[in-house]
PDB file of N, CA and C in Angstrom:
ATOM      1  N   MET A   1     -35.126-158.569 -94.517  1.00  0.00           N
ATOM      2  CA  MET A   1     -36.575-158.577 -94.621  1.00  0.00           C
ATOM      3  C   MET A   1     -37.172-157.255 -94.194  1.00  0.00           C
ATOM      4  N   LEU A   2     -36.743-156.755 -93.055  1.00  0.00           N
ATOM      5  CA  LEU A   2     -37.242-155.450 -92.538  1.00  0.00           C
ATOM      6  C   LEU A   2     -36.832-154.356 -93.496  1.00  0.00           C
ATOM      7  N   LEU A   3     -35.626-154.369 -93.983  1.00  0.00           N
ATOM      8  CA  LEU A   3     -35.125-153.367 -94.898  1.00  0.00           C
ATOM      9  C   LEU A   3     -35.996-153.318 -96.166  1.00  0.00           C
ATOM     10  N   ASN A   4     -36.335-154.498 -96.670  1.00  0.00           N
ATOM     11  CA  ASN A   4     -37.181-154.592 -97.880  1.00  0.00           C
ATOM     12  C   ASN A   4     -38.526-153.954 -97.611  1.00  0.00           C
ATOM     13  N   TYR A   5     -39.092-154.165 -96.431  1.00  0.00           N
ATOM     14  CA  TYR A   5     -40.381-153.582 -96.048  1.00  0.00           C
ATOM     15  C   TYR A   5     -40.291-152.074 -96.106  1.00  0.00           C
ATOM     16  N   PHE A   6     -39.218-151.514 -95.472  1.00  0.00           N
ATOM     17  CA  PHE A   6     -39.072-150.064 -95.446  1.00  0.00           C
ATOM     18  C   PHE A   6     -38.886-149.476 -96.831  1.00  0.00           C
ATOM     19  N   ILE A   7     -38.178-150.191 -97.708  1.00  0.00           N
ATOM     20  CA  ILE A   7     -37.999-149.721 -99.068  1.00  0.00           C
ATOM     21  C   ILE A   7     -39.348-149.668 -99.799  1.00  0.00           C
ATOM     22  N   ILE A   8     -40.109-150.720 -99.693  1.00  0.00           N
ATOM     23  CA  ILE A   8     -41.399-150.813-100.363  1.00  0.00           C
ATOM     24  C   ILE A   8     -42.400-149.789 -99.839  1.00  0.00           C
ATOM     25  N   ILE A   9     -42.495-149.638 -98.507  1.00  0.00           N
ATOM     26  CA  ILE A   9     -43.464-148.725 -97.954  1.00  0.00           C
ATOM     27  C   ILE A   9     -43.089-147.262 -98.262  1.00  0.00           C
ATOM     28  N   ASN A  10     -41.804-146.980 -98.395  1.00  0.00           N
ATOM     29  CA  ASN A  10     -41.384-145.644 -98.748  1.00  0.00           C
ATOM     30  C   ASN A  10     -41.699-145.338-100.241  1.00  0.00           C
ATOM     31  N   ILE A  11     -41.564-146.316-101.083  1.00  0.00           N
ATOM     32  CA  ILE A  11     -41.920-146.125-102.483  1.00  0.00           C
ATOM     33  C   ILE A  11     -43.422-145.879-102.602  1.00  0.00           C
ATOM     34  N   ILE A  12     -44.221-146.644-101.840  1.00  0.00           N
ATOM     35  CA  ILE A  12     -45.663-146.491-101.818  1.00  0.00           C
ATOM     36  C   ILE A  12     -46.033-145.083-101.324  1.00  0.00           C
ATOM     37  N   ALA A  13     -45.421-144.665-100.254  1.00  0.00           N
ATOM     38  CA  ALA A  13     -45.689-143.316 -99.692  1.00  0.00           C
ATOM     39  C   ALA A  13     -45.336-142.242-100.688  1.00  0.00           C
ATOM     40  N   PHE A  14     -44.207-142.340-101.342  1.00  0.00           N
ATOM     41  CA  PHE A  14     -43.769-141.350-102.327  1.00  0.00           C
ATOM     42  C   PHE A  14     -44.812-141.249-103.457  1.00  0.00           C
ATOM     43  N   PHE A  15     -45.270-142.368-103.983  1.00  0.00           N
ATOM     44  CA  PHE A  15     -46.279-142.325-105.054  1.00  0.00           C
ATOM     45  C   PHE A  15     -47.620-141.868-104.534  1.00  0.00           C
ATOM     46  N   ALA A  16     -47.963-142.124-103.296  1.00  0.00           N
ATOM     47  CA  ALA A  16     -49.192-141.602-102.726  1.00  0.00           C
ATOM     48  C   ALA A  16     -49.225-140.081-102.745  1.00  0.00           C
ATOM     49  N   TYR A  17     -48.105-139.436-102.458  1.00  0.00           N
ATOM     50  CA  TYR A  17     -48.048-137.992-102.502  1.00  0.00           C
ATOM     51  C   TYR A  17     -48.130-137.504-103.950  1.00  0.00           C
ATOM     52  N   PHE A  18     -47.503-138.234-104.851  1.00  0.00           N
ATOM     53  CA  PHE A  18     -47.600-137.870-106.273  1.00  0.00           C
ATOM     54  C   PHE A  18     -49.027-137.962-106.754  1.00  0.00           C
ATOM     55  N   ILE A  19     -49.696-139.069-106.462  1.00  0.00           N
ATOM     56  CA  ILE A  19     -51.075-139.279-106.877  1.00  0.00           C
ATOM     57  C   ILE A  19     -52.005-138.212-106.274  1.00  0.00           C
ATOM     58  N   ASP A  20     -51.833-137.959-104.995  1.00  0.00           N
ATOM     59  CA  ASP A  20     -52.694-136.948-104.313  1.00  0.00           C
ATOM     60  C   ASP A  20     -52.500-135.565-104.920  1.00  0.00           C
ATOM     61  N   LYS A  21     -51.262-135.191-105.193  1.00  0.00           N
ATOM     62  CA  LYS A  21     -50.966-133.892-105.784  1.00  0.00           C
ATOM     63  C   LYS A  21     -51.586-133.801-107.184  1.00  0.00           C
ATOM     64  N   SER A  22     -51.448-134.878-107.954  1.00  0.00           N
ATOM     65  CA  SER A  22     -52.018-134.896-109.293  1.00  0.00           C
ATOM     66  C   SER A  22     -53.537-134.757-109.250  1.00  0.00           C
ATOM     67  N   LYS A  23     -54.162-135.461-108.330  1.00  0.00           N
ATOM     68  CA  LYS A  23     -55.618-135.371-108.191  1.00  0.00           C
ATOM     69  C   LYS A  23     -56.040-134.011-107.687  1.00  0.00           C
ATOM     70  N   ALA A  24     -55.263-133.423-106.842  1.00  0.00           N
ATOM     71  CA  ALA A  24     -55.585-132.062-106.309  1.00  0.00           C
ATOM     72  C   ALA A  24     -55.614-131.041-107.442  1.00  0.00           C
ATOM     73  N   LYS A  25     -54.678-131.173-108.371  1.00  0.00           N
ATOM     74  CA  LYS A  25     -54.638-130.259-109.518  1.00  0.00           C
ATOM     75  C   LYS A  25     -55.858-130.435-110.451  1.00  0.00           C
ATOM     76  N   LYS A  26     -56.418-131.613-110.456  1.00  0.00           N
ATOM     77  CA  LYS A  26     -57.554-131.928-111.346  1.00  0.00           C
ATOM     78  C   LYS A  26     -58.913-131.860-110.591  1.00  0.00           C
ATOM     79  N   ASN A  27     -58.854-131.467-109.314  1.00  0.00           N
ATOM     80  CA  ASN A  27     -60.072-131.421-108.473  1.00  0.00           C
ATOM     81  C   ASN A  27     -60.825-132.750-108.439  1.00  0.00           C
ATOM     82  N   LYS A  28     -60.073-133.844-108.363  1.00  0.00           N
ATOM     83  CA  LYS A  28     -60.607-135.176-108.306  1.00  0.00           C
ATOM     84  C   LYS A  28     -60.569-135.670-106.872  1.00  0.00           C
ATOM     85  N   TYR A  29     -61.184-136.859-106.630  1.00  0.00           N
ATOM     86  CA  TYR A  29     -61.190-137.499-105.327  1.00  0.00           C
ATOM     87  C   TYR A  29     -59.749-137.705-104.909  1.00  0.00           C
ATOM     88  N   ARG A  30     -59.472-137.375-103.654  1.00  0.00           N
ATOM     89  CA  ARG A  30     -58.090-137.385-103.163  1.00  0.00           C
ATOM     90  C   ARG A  30     -57.858-138.444-102.085  1.00  0.00           C
ATOM     91  N   ILE A  31     -56.574-138.699-101.843  1.00  0.00           N
ATOM     92  CA  ILE A  31     -56.170-139.562-100.739  1.00  0.00           C
ATOM     93  C   ILE A  31     -56.303-138.734 -99.455  1.00  0.00           C
ATOM     94  N   SER A  32     -56.918-139.343 -98.422  1.00  0.00           N
ATOM     95  CA  SER A  32     -57.146-138.602 -97.174  1.00  0.00           C
ATOM     96  C   SER A  32     -55.837-138.257 -96.491  1.00  0.00           C
ATOM     97  N   GLU A  33     -55.841-137.150 -95.755  1.00  0.00           N
ATOM     98  CA  GLU A  33     -54.672-136.758 -95.014  1.00  0.00           C
ATOM     99  C   GLU A  33     -54.283-137.841 -93.984  1.00  0.00           C
ATOM    100  N   ASN A  34     -55.288-138.472 -93.391  1.00  0.00           N
ATOM    101  CA  ASN A  34     -55.018-139.551 -92.423  1.00  0.00           C
ATOM    102  C   ASN A  34     -54.276-140.712 -93.098  1.00  0.00           C
ATOM    103  N   SER A  35     -54.664-141.026 -94.322  1.00  0.00           N
ATOM    104  CA  SER A  35     -53.976-142.110 -95.031  1.00  0.00           C
ATOM    105  C   SER A  35     -52.519-141.747 -95.333  1.00  0.00           C
ATOM    106  N   LEU A  36     -52.304-140.498 -95.743  1.00  0.00           N
ATOM    107  CA  LEU A  36     -50.915-140.067 -96.005  1.00  0.00           C
ATOM    108  C   LEU A  36     -50.075-140.103 -94.731  1.00  0.00           C
ATOM    109  N   LEU A  37     -50.648-139.650 -93.637  1.00  0.00           N
ATOM    110  CA  LEU A  37     -49.912-139.691 -92.362  1.00  0.00           C
ATOM    111  C   LEU A  37     -49.720-141.132 -91.887  1.00  0.00           C
ATOM    112  N   PHE A  38     -50.696-141.981 -92.146  1.00  0.00           N
ATOM    113  CA  PHE A  38     -50.583-143.416 -91.760  1.00  0.00           C
ATOM    114  C   PHE A  38     -49.390-144.065 -92.473  1.00  0.00           C
ATOM    115  N   LEU A  39     -49.214-143.703 -93.735  1.00  0.00           N
ATOM    116  CA  LEU A  39     -48.066-144.275 -94.479  1.00  0.00           C
ATOM    117  C   LEU A  39     -46.764-143.894 -93.815  1.00  0.00           C
ATOM    118  N   ALA A  40     -46.681-142.641 -93.327  1.00  0.00           N
ATOM    119  CA  ALA A  40     -45.461-142.215 -92.617  1.00  0.00           C
ATOM    120  C   ALA A  40     -45.310-142.973 -91.302  1.00  0.00           C
ATOM    121  N   LEU A  41     -46.453-143.198 -90.622  1.00  0.00           N
ATOM    122  CA  LEU A  41     -46.440-143.910 -89.353  1.00  0.00           C
ATOM    123  C   LEU A  41     -45.922-145.342 -89.472  1.00  0.00           C
ATOM    124  N   ILE A  42     -46.312-146.008 -90.546  1.00  0.00           N
ATOM    125  CA  ILE A  42     -45.937-147.431 -90.694  1.00  0.00           C
ATOM    126  C   ILE A  42     -44.629-147.641 -91.415  1.00  0.00           C
ATOM    127  N   GLY A  43     -43.870-146.580 -91.536  1.00  0.00           N
ATOM    128  CA  GLY A  43     -42.500-146.731 -92.099  1.00  0.00           C
ATOM    129  C   GLY A  43     -42.185-145.962 -93.363  1.00  0.00           C
ATOM    130  N   GLY A  44     -43.173-145.227 -93.881  1.00  0.00           N
ATOM    131  CA  GLY A  44     -42.972-144.503 -95.106  1.00  0.00           C
ATOM    132  C   GLY A  44     -42.564-143.049 -94.940  1.00  0.00           C
ATOM    133  N   GLY A  45     -41.935-142.739 -93.847  1.00  0.00           N
ATOM    134  CA  GLY A  45     -41.597-141.350 -93.552  1.00  0.00           C
ATOM    135  C   GLY A  45     -40.653-140.719 -94.592  1.00  0.00           C
ATOM    136  N   ALA A  46     -39.629-141.447 -94.926  1.00  0.00           N
ATOM    137  CA  ALA A  46     -38.634-140.889 -95.913  1.00  0.00           C
ATOM    138  C   ALA A  46     -39.292-140.649 -97.250  1.00  0.00           C
ATOM    139  N   GLY A  47     -40.096-141.593 -97.709  1.00  0.00           N
ATOM    140  CA  GLY A  47     -40.817-141.426 -98.986  1.00  0.00           C
ATOM    141  C   GLY A  47     -41.798-140.267 -98.906  1.00  0.00           C
ATOM    142  N   SER A  48     -42.431-140.096 -97.738  1.00  0.00           N
ATOM    143  CA  SER A  48     -43.343-138.976 -97.532  1.00  0.00           C
ATOM    144  C   SER A  48     -42.609-137.636 -97.600  1.00  0.00           C
ATOM    145  N   ILE A  49     -41.470-137.547 -96.953  1.00  0.00           N
ATOM    146  CA  ILE A  49     -40.713-136.299 -96.950  1.00  0.00           C
ATOM    147  C   ILE A  49     -40.258-135.972 -98.376  1.00  0.00           C
ATOM    148  N   ILE A  50     -39.770-136.957 -99.065  1.00  0.00           N
ATOM    149  CA  ILE A  50     -39.281-136.730-100.456  1.00  0.00           C
ATOM    150  C   ILE A  50     -40.475-136.310-101.351  1.00  0.00           C
ATOM    151  N   GLY A  51     -41.605-136.996-101.178  1.00  0.00           N
ATOM    152  CA  GLY A  51     -42.774-136.651-101.964  1.00  0.00           C
ATOM    153  C   GLY A  51     -43.295-135.285-101.654  1.00  0.00           C
ATOM    154  N   MET A  52     -43.332-134.908-100.376  1.00  0.00           N
ATOM    155  CA  MET A  52     -43.764-133.570 -99.960  1.00  0.00           C
ATOM    156  C   MET A  52     -42.866-132.507-100.590  1.00  0.00           C
ATOM    157  N   SER A  53     -41.563-132.733-100.536  1.00  0.00           N
ATOM    158  CA  SER A  53     -40.617-131.745-101.034  1.00  0.00           C
ATOM    159  C   SER A  53     -40.630-131.653-102.541  1.00  0.00           C
ATOM    160  N   LEU A  54     -40.555-132.816-103.224  1.00  0.00           N
ATOM    161  CA  LEU A  54     -40.446-132.811-104.661  1.00  0.00           C
ATOM    162  C   LEU A  54     -41.752-132.293-105.326  1.00  0.00           C
ATOM    163  N   PHE A  55     -42.882-132.638-104.765  1.00  0.00           N
ATOM    164  CA  PHE A  55     -44.175-132.274-105.400  1.00  0.00           C
ATOM    165  C   PHE A  55     -44.776-131.018-104.715  1.00  0.00           C
ATOM    166  N   ARG A  56     -44.079-130.481-103.735  1.00  0.00           N
ATOM    167  CA  ARG A  56     -44.542-129.295-102.955  1.00  0.00           C
ATOM    168  C   ARG A  56     -45.970-129.504-102.535  1.00  0.00           C
ATOM    169  N   HIS A  57     -46.181-130.628-101.819  1.00  0.00           N
ATOM    170  CA  HIS A  57     -47.494-131.056-101.400  1.00  0.00           C
ATOM    171  C   HIS A  57     -47.559-131.186 -99.922  1.00  0.00           C
ATOM    172  N   LYS A  58     -48.558-130.577 -99.294  1.00  0.00           N
ATOM    173  CA  LYS A  58     -48.801-130.607 -97.867  1.00  0.00           C
ATOM    174  C   LYS A  58     -47.705-129.884 -97.066  1.00  0.00           C
ATOM    175  N   THR A  59     -46.913-129.102 -97.703  1.00  0.00           N
ATOM    176  CA  THR A  59     -45.808-128.412 -97.037  1.00  0.00           C
ATOM    177  C   THR A  59     -46.248-127.215 -96.232  1.00  0.00           C
ATOM    178  N   GLN A  60     -47.451-126.739 -96.463  1.00  0.00           N
ATOM    179  CA  GLN A  60     -48.000-125.610 -95.701  1.00  0.00           C
ATOM    180  C   GLN A  60     -48.837-126.087 -94.529  1.00  0.00           C
ATOM    181  N   LYS A  61     -49.104-127.364 -94.410  1.00  0.00           N
ATOM    182  CA  LYS A  61     -49.891-127.934 -93.347  1.00  0.00           C
ATOM    183  C   LYS A  61     -48.982-128.241 -92.146  1.00  0.00           C
ATOM    184  N   LEU A  62     -49.286-127.599 -91.040  1.00  0.00           N
ATOM    185  CA  LEU A  62     -48.439-127.742 -89.841  1.00  0.00           C
ATOM    186  C   LEU A  62     -48.356-129.170 -89.356  1.00  0.00           C
ATOM    187  N   LYS A  63     -49.474-129.883 -89.367  1.00  0.00           N
ATOM    188  CA  LYS A  63     -49.396-131.274 -88.862  1.00  0.00           C
ATOM    189  C   LYS A  63     -48.500-132.154 -89.714  1.00  0.00           C
ATOM    190  N   PHE A  64     -48.408-131.841 -91.015  1.00  0.00           N
ATOM    191  CA  PHE A  64     -47.519-132.621 -91.877  1.00  0.00           C
ATOM    192  C   PHE A  64     -46.063-132.219 -91.648  1.00  0.00           C
ATOM    193  N   THR A  65     -45.834-130.892 -91.494  1.00  0.00           N
ATOM    194  CA  THR A  65     -44.441-130.462 -91.321  1.00  0.00           C
ATOM    195  C   THR A  65     -43.848-130.862 -89.976  1.00  0.00           C
ATOM    196  N   ILE A  66     -44.724-131.189 -89.031  1.00  0.00           N
ATOM    197  CA  ILE A  66     -44.223-131.687 -87.720  1.00  0.00           C
ATOM    198  C   ILE A  66     -44.239-133.185 -87.649  1.00  0.00           C
ATOM    199  N   LEU A  67     -45.392-133.802 -87.994  1.00  0.00           N
ATOM    200  CA  LEU A  67     -45.551-135.218 -87.770  1.00  0.00           C
ATOM    201  C   LEU A  67     -44.707-136.088 -88.731  1.00  0.00           C
ATOM    202  N   VAL A  68     -44.648-135.720 -89.989  1.00  0.00           N
ATOM    203  CA  VAL A  68     -43.913-136.577 -90.940  1.00  0.00           C
ATOM    204  C   VAL A  68     -42.423-136.638 -90.579  1.00  0.00           C
ATOM    205  N   PRO A  69     -41.726-135.541 -90.324  1.00  0.00           N
ATOM    206  CA  PRO A  69     -40.307-135.672 -89.912  1.00  0.00           C
ATOM    207  C   PRO A  69     -40.178-136.452 -88.576  1.00  0.00           C
ATOM    208  N   LEU A  70     -41.065-136.187 -87.648  1.00  0.00           N
ATOM    209  CA  LEU A  70     -40.982-136.902 -86.374  1.00  0.00           C
ATOM    210  C   LEU A  70     -41.150-138.408 -86.589  1.00  0.00           C
ATOM    211  N   LEU A  71     -42.121-138.795 -87.372  1.00  0.00           N
ATOM    212  CA  LEU A  71     -42.326-140.220 -87.640  1.00  0.00           C
ATOM    213  C   LEU A  71     -41.170-140.809 -88.391  1.00  0.00           C
ATOM    214  N   THR A  72     -40.506-140.023 -89.234  1.00  0.00           N
ATOM    215  CA  THR A  72     -39.367-140.495 -89.980  1.00  0.00           C
ATOM    216  C   THR A  72     -38.181-140.790 -89.010  1.00  0.00           C
ATOM    217  N   VAL A  73     -37.989-139.910 -88.066  1.00  0.00           N
ATOM    218  CA  VAL A  73     -36.916-140.143 -87.055  1.00  0.00           C
ATOM    219  C   VAL A  73     -37.219-141.393 -86.272  1.00  0.00           C
ATOM    220  N   ILE A  74     -38.451-141.584 -85.890  1.00  0.00           N
ATOM    221  CA  ILE A  74     -38.845-142.794 -85.179  1.00  0.00           C
ATOM    222  C   ILE A  74     -38.629-144.033 -86.013  1.00  0.00           C
ATOM    223  N   ASN A  75     -38.999-143.936 -87.288  1.00  0.00           N
ATOM    224  CA  ASN A  75     -38.802-145.096 -88.225  1.00  0.00           C
ATOM    225  C   ASN A  75     -37.310-145.421 -88.381  1.00  0.00           C
ATOM    226  N   ILE A  76     -36.467-144.400 -88.481  1.00  0.00           N
ATOM    227  CA  ILE A  76     -35.018-144.642 -88.614  1.00  0.00           C
ATOM    228  C   ILE A  76     -34.462-145.304 -87.349  1.00  0.00           C
ATOM    229  N   PHE A  77     -34.943-144.832 -86.196  1.00  0.00           N
ATOM    230  CA  PHE A  77     -34.531-145.459 -84.936  1.00  0.00           C
ATOM    231  C   PHE A  77     -34.941-146.913 -84.898  1.00  0.00           C
ATOM    232  N   ILE A  78     -36.149-147.199 -85.253  1.00  0.00           N
ATOM    233  CA  ILE A  78     -36.642-148.604 -85.245  1.00  0.00           C
ATOM    234  C   ILE A  78     -35.794-149.444 -86.208  1.00  0.00           C
ATOM    235  N   LEU A  79     -35.587-148.929 -87.395  1.00  0.00           N
ATOM    236  CA  LEU A  79     -34.759-149.680 -88.372  1.00  0.00           C
ATOM    237  C   LEU A  79     -33.360-149.937 -87.833  1.00  0.00           C
ATOM    238  N   TYR A  80     -32.760-148.908 -87.229  1.00  0.00           N
ATOM    239  CA  TYR A  80     -31.436-149.049 -86.646  1.00  0.00           C
ATOM    240  C   TYR A  80     -31.399-150.087 -85.546  1.00  0.00           C
ATOM    241  N   LYS A  81     -32.426-150.070 -84.654  1.00  0.00           N
ATOM    242  CA  LYS A  81     -32.464-150.977 -83.513  1.00  0.00           C
ATOM    243  C   LYS A  81     -32.619-152.434 -83.915  1.00  0.00           C
ATOM    244  N   PHE A  82     -33.346-152.673 -85.033  1.00  0.00           N
ATOM    245  CA  PHE A  82     -33.669-154.058 -85.384  1.00  0.00           C
ATOM    246  C   PHE A  82     -32.825-154.581 -86.536  1.00  0.00           C
ATOM    247  N   MET A  83     -31.858-153.820 -87.006  1.00  0.00           N
ATOM    248  CA  MET A  83     -31.017-154.296 -88.110  1.00  0.00           C
ATOM    249  C   MET A  83     -29.789-154.979 -87.552  1.00  0.00           C
TER     250      MET A  83
END
């Protein structure tokens, strides 16, 4: 059950970065940085990192390059402890 949650939240996080990058290119309303970071906080760290890397999005922002990997490590630890 917990593993399914992590899979789903990471897919959501990945697509959130895709959508935000697409909207940034078109100068449209964007997903807030806090929302993107929140997805990493609640378990979407791996999807966030993959989305950041693949779409080259938020990679120049220091808070993203520090917080997202840190939250990912915390998420992996939590998943390991409860599996």
